[in-house]
Amino acid sequence: MTKDLKIIVERLAPLFKRKRNTRYWISLVNQTYTPAFNFFFNIQPKDQRQRSIPLHSLHGYDLAQLEAFLGLLRKQTQLTIEFVGFEDMRWPQTNRVIQRRARLDE
């Protein structure tokens, strides 16, 4: 397990409380102005507002390393990962589109 993955999992553990009728997911944001990837943990109880908590930033701007890192993160957390700011980009190994279309707030 890499150091960055360990940081994310340690920060995620106390936030994930497995409450009923609550949606949990991770947002991965491509920050283009300062080349970095930002991870956020999102919590949304039923009929309430969404809460977004910053987890960590990866400053190595390489999609191949990010693809491998996300594989390890998915095995550890099994949470949905939402991609923001990745439109018109493809994964280097699988050549699959990362984000199909831009969100309405982008």
N, C-alpha and C. Protein backbone atom coordinates (compact mmCIF):
# COMPACT_ATOMS: atom_id res chain seq x y z
N MET A 1 0.85 -1.18 0.00
CA MET A 1 0.00 0.00 0.00
C MET A 1 0.90 1.24 0.00
N THR A 2 0.60 2.17 -0.89
CA THR A 2 1.41 3.37 -0.97
C THR A 2 1.09 4.32 0.18
N LYS A 3 1.95 5.29 0.34
CA LYS A 3 1.77 6.27 1.42
C LYS A 3 0.50 7.09 1.22
N ASP A 4 0.24 7.51 -0.03
CA ASP A 4 -0.96 8.30 -0.32
C ASP A 4 -2.23 7.50 -0.07
N LEU A 5 -2.22 6.24 -0.45
CA LEU A 5 -3.39 5.38 -0.24
C LEU A 5 -3.64 5.18 1.26
N LYS A 6 -2.58 5.02 2.01
CA LYS A 6 -2.72 4.84 3.45
C LYS A 6 -3.32 6.09 4.10
N ILE A 7 -2.91 7.28 3.63
CA ILE A 7 -3.45 8.54 4.16
C ILE A 7 -4.94 8.63 3.88
N ILE A 8 -5.35 8.32 2.65
CA ILE A 8 -6.76 8.41 2.27
C ILE A 8 -7.60 7.44 3.08
N VAL A 9 -7.15 6.20 3.22
CA VAL A 9 -7.91 5.19 3.96
C VAL A 9 -8.01 5.56 5.44
N GLU A 10 -6.94 6.10 6.01
CA GLU A 10 -6.98 6.50 7.43
C GLU A 10 -7.94 7.66 7.65
N ARG A 11 -8.00 8.60 6.72
CA ARG A 11 -8.91 9.74 6.86
C ARG A 11 -10.35 9.35 6.56
N LEU A 12 -10.53 8.34 5.74
CA LEU A 12 -11.86 7.89 5.34
C LEU A 12 -12.54 7.06 6.42
N ALA A 13 -11.78 6.28 7.16
CA ALA A 13 -12.34 5.34 8.14
C ALA A 13 -13.25 5.99 9.18
N PRO A 14 -12.87 7.08 9.83
CA PRO A 14 -13.79 7.65 10.83
C PRO A 14 -15.00 8.35 10.23
N LEU A 15 -14.94 8.70 8.94
CA LEU A 15 -16.06 9.40 8.30
C LEU A 15 -17.15 8.45 7.80
N PHE A 16 -16.76 7.23 7.46
CA PHE A 16 -17.70 6.26 6.91
C PHE A 16 -18.39 5.53 8.06
N LYS A 17 -19.66 5.91 8.34
CA LYS A 17 -20.36 5.40 9.52
C LYS A 17 -21.45 4.39 9.20
N ARG A 18 -21.67 4.08 7.94
CA ARG A 18 -22.66 3.08 7.52
C ARG A 18 -24.06 3.36 8.08
N LYS A 19 -24.52 4.58 7.96
CA LYS A 19 -25.86 4.92 8.42
C LYS A 19 -26.89 4.56 7.36
N ARG A 20 -28.08 4.23 7.80
CA ARG A 20 -29.16 3.91 6.87
C ARG A 20 -29.56 5.14 6.07
N ASN A 21 -30.00 4.90 4.84
CA ASN A 21 -30.48 5.96 3.96
C ASN A 21 -29.46 7.08 3.77
N THR A 22 -28.21 6.73 3.72
CA THR A 22 -27.14 7.70 3.51
C THR A 22 -26.29 7.22 2.34
N ARG A 23 -25.98 8.15 1.46
CA ARG A 23 -25.17 7.84 0.28
C ARG A 23 -23.74 8.31 0.52
N TYR A 24 -22.77 7.43 0.25
CA TYR A 24 -21.35 7.74 0.41
C TYR A 24 -20.66 7.52 -0.93
N TRP A 25 -19.76 8.43 -1.32
CA TRP A 25 -18.95 8.23 -2.52
C TRP A 25 -17.73 9.13 -2.47
N ILE A 26 -16.76 8.84 -3.33
CA ILE A 26 -15.52 9.61 -3.43
C ILE A 26 -15.55 10.39 -4.73
N SER A 27 -15.19 11.66 -4.67
CA SER A 27 -15.05 12.48 -5.87
C SER A 27 -13.56 12.68 -6.14
N LEU A 28 -13.18 12.48 -7.38
CA LEU A 28 -11.81 12.73 -7.81
C LEU A 28 -11.85 13.90 -8.78
N VAL A 29 -11.20 15.00 -8.41
CA VAL A 29 -11.26 16.23 -9.18
C VAL A 29 -9.91 16.47 -9.84
N ASN A 30 -9.95 16.71 -11.15
CA ASN A 30 -8.76 17.04 -11.92
C ASN A 30 -8.56 18.55 -11.85
N GLN A 31 -7.57 18.98 -11.11
CA GLN A 31 -7.30 20.40 -10.95
C GLN A 31 -6.26 20.79 -12.00
N THR A 32 -6.68 21.51 -13.03
CA THR A 32 -5.81 21.78 -14.17
C THR A 32 -4.87 22.95 -13.95
N TYR A 33 -5.21 23.91 -13.10
CA TYR A 33 -4.37 25.10 -12.94
C TYR A 33 -3.11 24.80 -12.15
N THR A 34 -3.22 24.07 -11.08
CA THR A 34 -2.05 23.55 -10.39
C THR A 34 -2.13 22.04 -10.57
N PRO A 35 -1.29 21.46 -11.39
CA PRO A 35 -1.48 20.05 -11.77
C PRO A 35 -1.51 19.11 -10.57
N ALA A 36 -2.74 18.74 -10.19
CA ALA A 36 -2.93 17.84 -9.06
C ALA A 36 -4.28 17.16 -9.18
N PHE A 37 -4.44 16.05 -8.48
CA PHE A 37 -5.72 15.35 -8.37
C PHE A 37 -6.17 15.45 -6.92
N ASN A 38 -7.39 15.94 -6.70
CA ASN A 38 -7.92 16.11 -5.35
C ASN A 38 -8.99 15.06 -5.07
N PHE A 39 -8.93 14.45 -3.90
CA PHE A 39 -9.91 13.45 -3.47
C PHE A 39 -10.81 14.06 -2.40
N PHE A 40 -12.12 13.87 -2.56
CA PHE A 40 -13.12 14.34 -1.60
C PHE A 40 -14.02 13.17 -1.23
N PHE A 41 -14.44 13.14 0.04
CA PHE A 41 -15.40 12.15 0.50
C PHE A 41 -16.74 12.84 0.64
N ASN A 42 -17.76 12.33 -0.03
CA ASN A 42 -19.09 12.94 -0.04
C ASN A 42 -20.06 12.10 0.77
N ILE A 43 -20.86 12.79 1.57
CA ILE A 43 -21.88 12.16 2.41
C ILE A 43 -23.20 12.88 2.14
N GLN A 44 -24.25 12.12 1.86
CA GLN A 44 -25.56 12.73 1.66
C GLN A 44 -26.64 11.88 2.30
N PRO A 45 -27.09 12.27 3.51
CA PRO A 45 -28.24 11.59 4.10
C PRO A 45 -29.50 11.88 3.30
N LYS A 46 -30.46 11.00 3.40
CA LYS A 46 -31.71 11.15 2.64
C LYS A 46 -32.40 12.47 3.00
N ASP A 47 -32.83 13.19 1.97
CA ASP A 47 -33.54 14.47 2.10
C ASP A 47 -32.73 15.54 2.82
N GLN A 48 -31.40 15.46 2.72
CA GLN A 48 -30.54 16.48 3.31
C GLN A 48 -29.49 16.90 2.29
N ARG A 49 -28.77 17.95 2.61
CA ARG A 49 -27.75 18.45 1.71
C ARG A 49 -26.51 17.56 1.72
N GLN A 50 -25.81 17.62 0.61
CA GLN A 50 -24.56 16.87 0.46
C GLN A 50 -23.45 17.57 1.23
N ARG A 51 -22.58 16.78 1.83
CA ARG A 51 -21.42 17.30 2.55
C ARG A 51 -20.17 16.73 1.90
N SER A 52 -19.22 17.58 1.55
CA SER A 52 -18.01 17.15 0.88
C SER A 52 -16.81 17.47 1.77
N ILE A 53 -15.99 16.45 2.05
CA ILE A 53 -14.86 16.59 2.95
C ILE A 53 -13.57 16.28 2.18
N PRO A 54 -12.62 17.22 2.13
CA PRO A 54 -11.36 16.95 1.42
C PRO A 54 -10.56 15.86 2.12
N LEU A 55 -10.04 14.92 1.33
CA LEU A 55 -9.25 13.82 1.88
C LEU A 55 -7.76 14.00 1.64
N HIS A 56 -7.38 14.23 0.37
CA HIS A 56 -5.96 14.25 0.03
C HIS A 56 -5.78 14.79 -1.37
N SER A 57 -4.56 15.24 -1.69
CA SER A 57 -4.21 15.68 -3.04
C SER A 57 -3.00 14.90 -3.53
N LEU A 58 -3.06 14.47 -4.79
CA LEU A 58 -1.91 13.83 -5.43
C LEU A 58 -1.29 14.84 -6.37
N HIS A 59 -0.02 15.16 -6.16
CA HIS A 59 0.62 16.18 -6.98
C HIS A 59 1.39 15.61 -8.16
N GLY A 60 1.57 14.31 -8.23
CA GLY A 60 2.18 13.69 -9.40
C GLY A 60 1.13 13.60 -10.50
N TYR A 61 1.24 14.43 -11.53
CA TYR A 61 0.19 14.53 -12.55
C TYR A 61 0.46 13.52 -13.66
N ASP A 62 0.16 12.25 -13.40
CA ASP A 62 0.37 11.19 -14.38
C ASP A 62 -0.84 10.26 -14.37
N LEU A 63 -1.51 10.13 -15.52
CA LEU A 63 -2.73 9.33 -15.59
C LEU A 63 -2.45 7.84 -15.42
N ALA A 64 -1.29 7.36 -15.88
CA ALA A 64 -0.97 5.94 -15.74
C ALA A 64 -0.83 5.56 -14.26
N GLN A 65 -0.14 6.41 -13.50
CA GLN A 65 0.00 6.15 -12.06
C GLN A 65 -1.34 6.29 -11.35
N LEU A 66 -2.16 7.25 -11.79
CA LEU A 66 -3.48 7.44 -11.18
C LEU A 66 -4.36 6.23 -11.43
N GLU A 67 -4.28 5.65 -12.61
CA GLU A 67 -5.08 4.47 -12.93
C GLU A 67 -4.71 3.30 -12.01
N ALA A 68 -3.43 3.09 -11.79
CA ALA A 68 -2.99 2.02 -10.88
C ALA A 68 -3.39 2.33 -9.44
N PHE A 69 -3.27 3.60 -9.05
CA PHE A 69 -3.64 4.02 -7.70
C PHE A 69 -5.13 3.80 -7.44
N LEU A 70 -5.97 4.11 -8.43
CA LEU A 70 -7.41 3.93 -8.26
C LEU A 70 -7.78 2.45 -8.16
N GLY A 71 -7.04 1.58 -8.83
CA GLY A 71 -7.28 0.15 -8.69
C GLY A 71 -7.07 -0.31 -7.26
N LEU A 72 -6.01 0.19 -6.63
CA LEU A 72 -5.75 -0.14 -5.22
C LEU A 72 -6.80 0.48 -4.30
N LEU A 73 -7.21 1.72 -4.60
CA LEU A 73 -8.21 2.39 -3.77
C LEU A 73 -9.56 1.68 -3.85
N ARG A 74 -9.93 1.22 -5.03
CA ARG A 74 -11.21 0.50 -5.18
C ARG A 74 -11.21 -0.81 -4.40
N LYS A 75 -10.06 -1.49 -4.36
CA LYS A 75 -9.97 -2.73 -3.58
C LYS A 75 -10.09 -2.46 -2.08
N GLN A 76 -9.55 -1.34 -1.63
CA GLN A 76 -9.58 -1.01 -0.20
C GLN A 76 -10.94 -0.52 0.26
N THR A 77 -11.60 0.34 -0.54
CA THR A 77 -12.80 1.02 -0.05
C THR A 77 -14.10 0.47 -0.62
N GLN A 78 -14.12 0.03 -1.85
CA GLN A 78 -15.32 -0.45 -2.55
C GLN A 78 -16.40 0.62 -2.61
N LEU A 79 -16.01 1.89 -2.68
CA LEU A 79 -16.94 3.00 -2.83
C LEU A 79 -16.98 3.45 -4.29
N THR A 80 -18.08 4.08 -4.68
CA THR A 80 -18.20 4.65 -6.01
C THR A 80 -17.24 5.84 -6.12
N ILE A 81 -16.57 5.96 -7.27
CA ILE A 81 -15.67 7.08 -7.51
C ILE A 81 -16.25 7.92 -8.63
N GLU A 82 -16.50 9.19 -8.34
CA GLU A 82 -17.05 10.13 -9.31
C GLU A 82 -15.89 10.97 -9.85
N PHE A 83 -15.80 11.11 -11.17
CA PHE A 83 -14.73 11.86 -11.79
C PHE A 83 -15.24 13.23 -12.21
N VAL A 84 -14.48 14.28 -11.88
CA VAL A 84 -14.85 15.65 -12.22
C VAL A 84 -13.65 16.31 -12.91
N GLY A 85 -13.89 16.90 -14.08
CA GLY A 85 -12.83 17.60 -14.80
C GLY A 85 -11.99 16.70 -15.69
N PHE A 86 -12.48 15.52 -16.03
CA PHE A 86 -11.74 14.58 -16.86
C PHE A 86 -12.37 14.39 -18.23
N GLU A 87 -13.21 15.33 -18.69
CA GLU A 87 -13.86 15.13 -19.98
C GLU A 87 -12.82 15.17 -21.11
N ASP A 88 -13.06 14.36 -22.14
CA ASP A 88 -12.17 14.19 -23.30
C ASP A 88 -10.82 13.61 -22.93
N MET A 89 -10.73 12.88 -21.83
CA MET A 89 -9.49 12.20 -21.45
C MET A 89 -9.74 10.70 -21.41
N ARG A 90 -8.68 9.93 -21.67
CA ARG A 90 -8.77 8.47 -21.68
C ARG A 90 -7.70 7.88 -20.77
N TRP A 91 -8.00 6.68 -20.21
CA TRP A 91 -7.02 5.96 -19.41
C TRP A 91 -5.93 5.44 -20.34
N PRO A 92 -4.67 5.55 -19.95
CA PRO A 92 -3.57 5.13 -20.83
C PRO A 92 -3.54 3.62 -21.11
N GLN A 93 -3.82 2.78 -20.13
CA GLN A 93 -3.70 1.33 -20.33
C GLN A 93 -4.89 0.75 -21.06
N THR A 94 -6.10 1.13 -20.68
CA THR A 94 -7.30 0.52 -21.26
C THR A 94 -7.90 1.34 -22.39
N ASN A 95 -7.48 2.59 -22.55
CA ASN A 95 -7.97 3.50 -23.58
C ASN A 95 -9.48 3.75 -23.45
N ARG A 96 -10.01 3.63 -22.25
CA ARG A 96 -11.43 3.91 -22.00
C ARG A 96 -11.60 5.37 -21.60
N VAL A 97 -12.75 5.93 -21.93
CA VAL A 97 -13.04 7.31 -21.57
C VAL A 97 -13.19 7.40 -20.05
N ILE A 98 -12.59 8.42 -19.46
CA ILE A 98 -12.64 8.57 -18.00
C ILE A 98 -13.98 9.15 -17.57
N GLN A 99 -14.37 10.27 -18.16
CA GLN A 99 -15.63 10.92 -17.82
C GLN A 99 -16.40 11.13 -19.12
N ARG A 100 -17.58 10.58 -19.21
CA ARG A 100 -18.34 10.62 -20.46
C ARG A 100 -18.78 12.02 -20.84
N ARG A 101 -19.36 12.75 -19.92
CA ARG A 101 -19.82 14.11 -20.21
C ARG A 101 -19.62 14.98 -18.98
N ALA A 102 -19.53 16.27 -19.23
CA ALA A 102 -19.32 17.21 -18.13
C ALA A 102 -20.57 17.30 -17.27
N ARG A 103 -20.37 17.53 -16.00
CA ARG A 103 -21.51 17.73 -15.10
C ARG A 103 -22.11 19.10 -15.37
N LEU A 104 -23.31 19.32 -14.89
CA LEU A 104 -23.99 20.59 -15.13
C LEU A 104 -23.31 21.76 -14.43
N ASP A 105 -22.63 21.51 -13.32
CA ASP A 105 -21.98 22.60 -12.60
C ASP A 105 -20.54 22.84 -13.02
N GLU A 106 -20.06 22.15 -14.04
CA GLU A 106 -18.69 22.36 -14.51
C GLU A 106 -18.66 23.44 -15.56
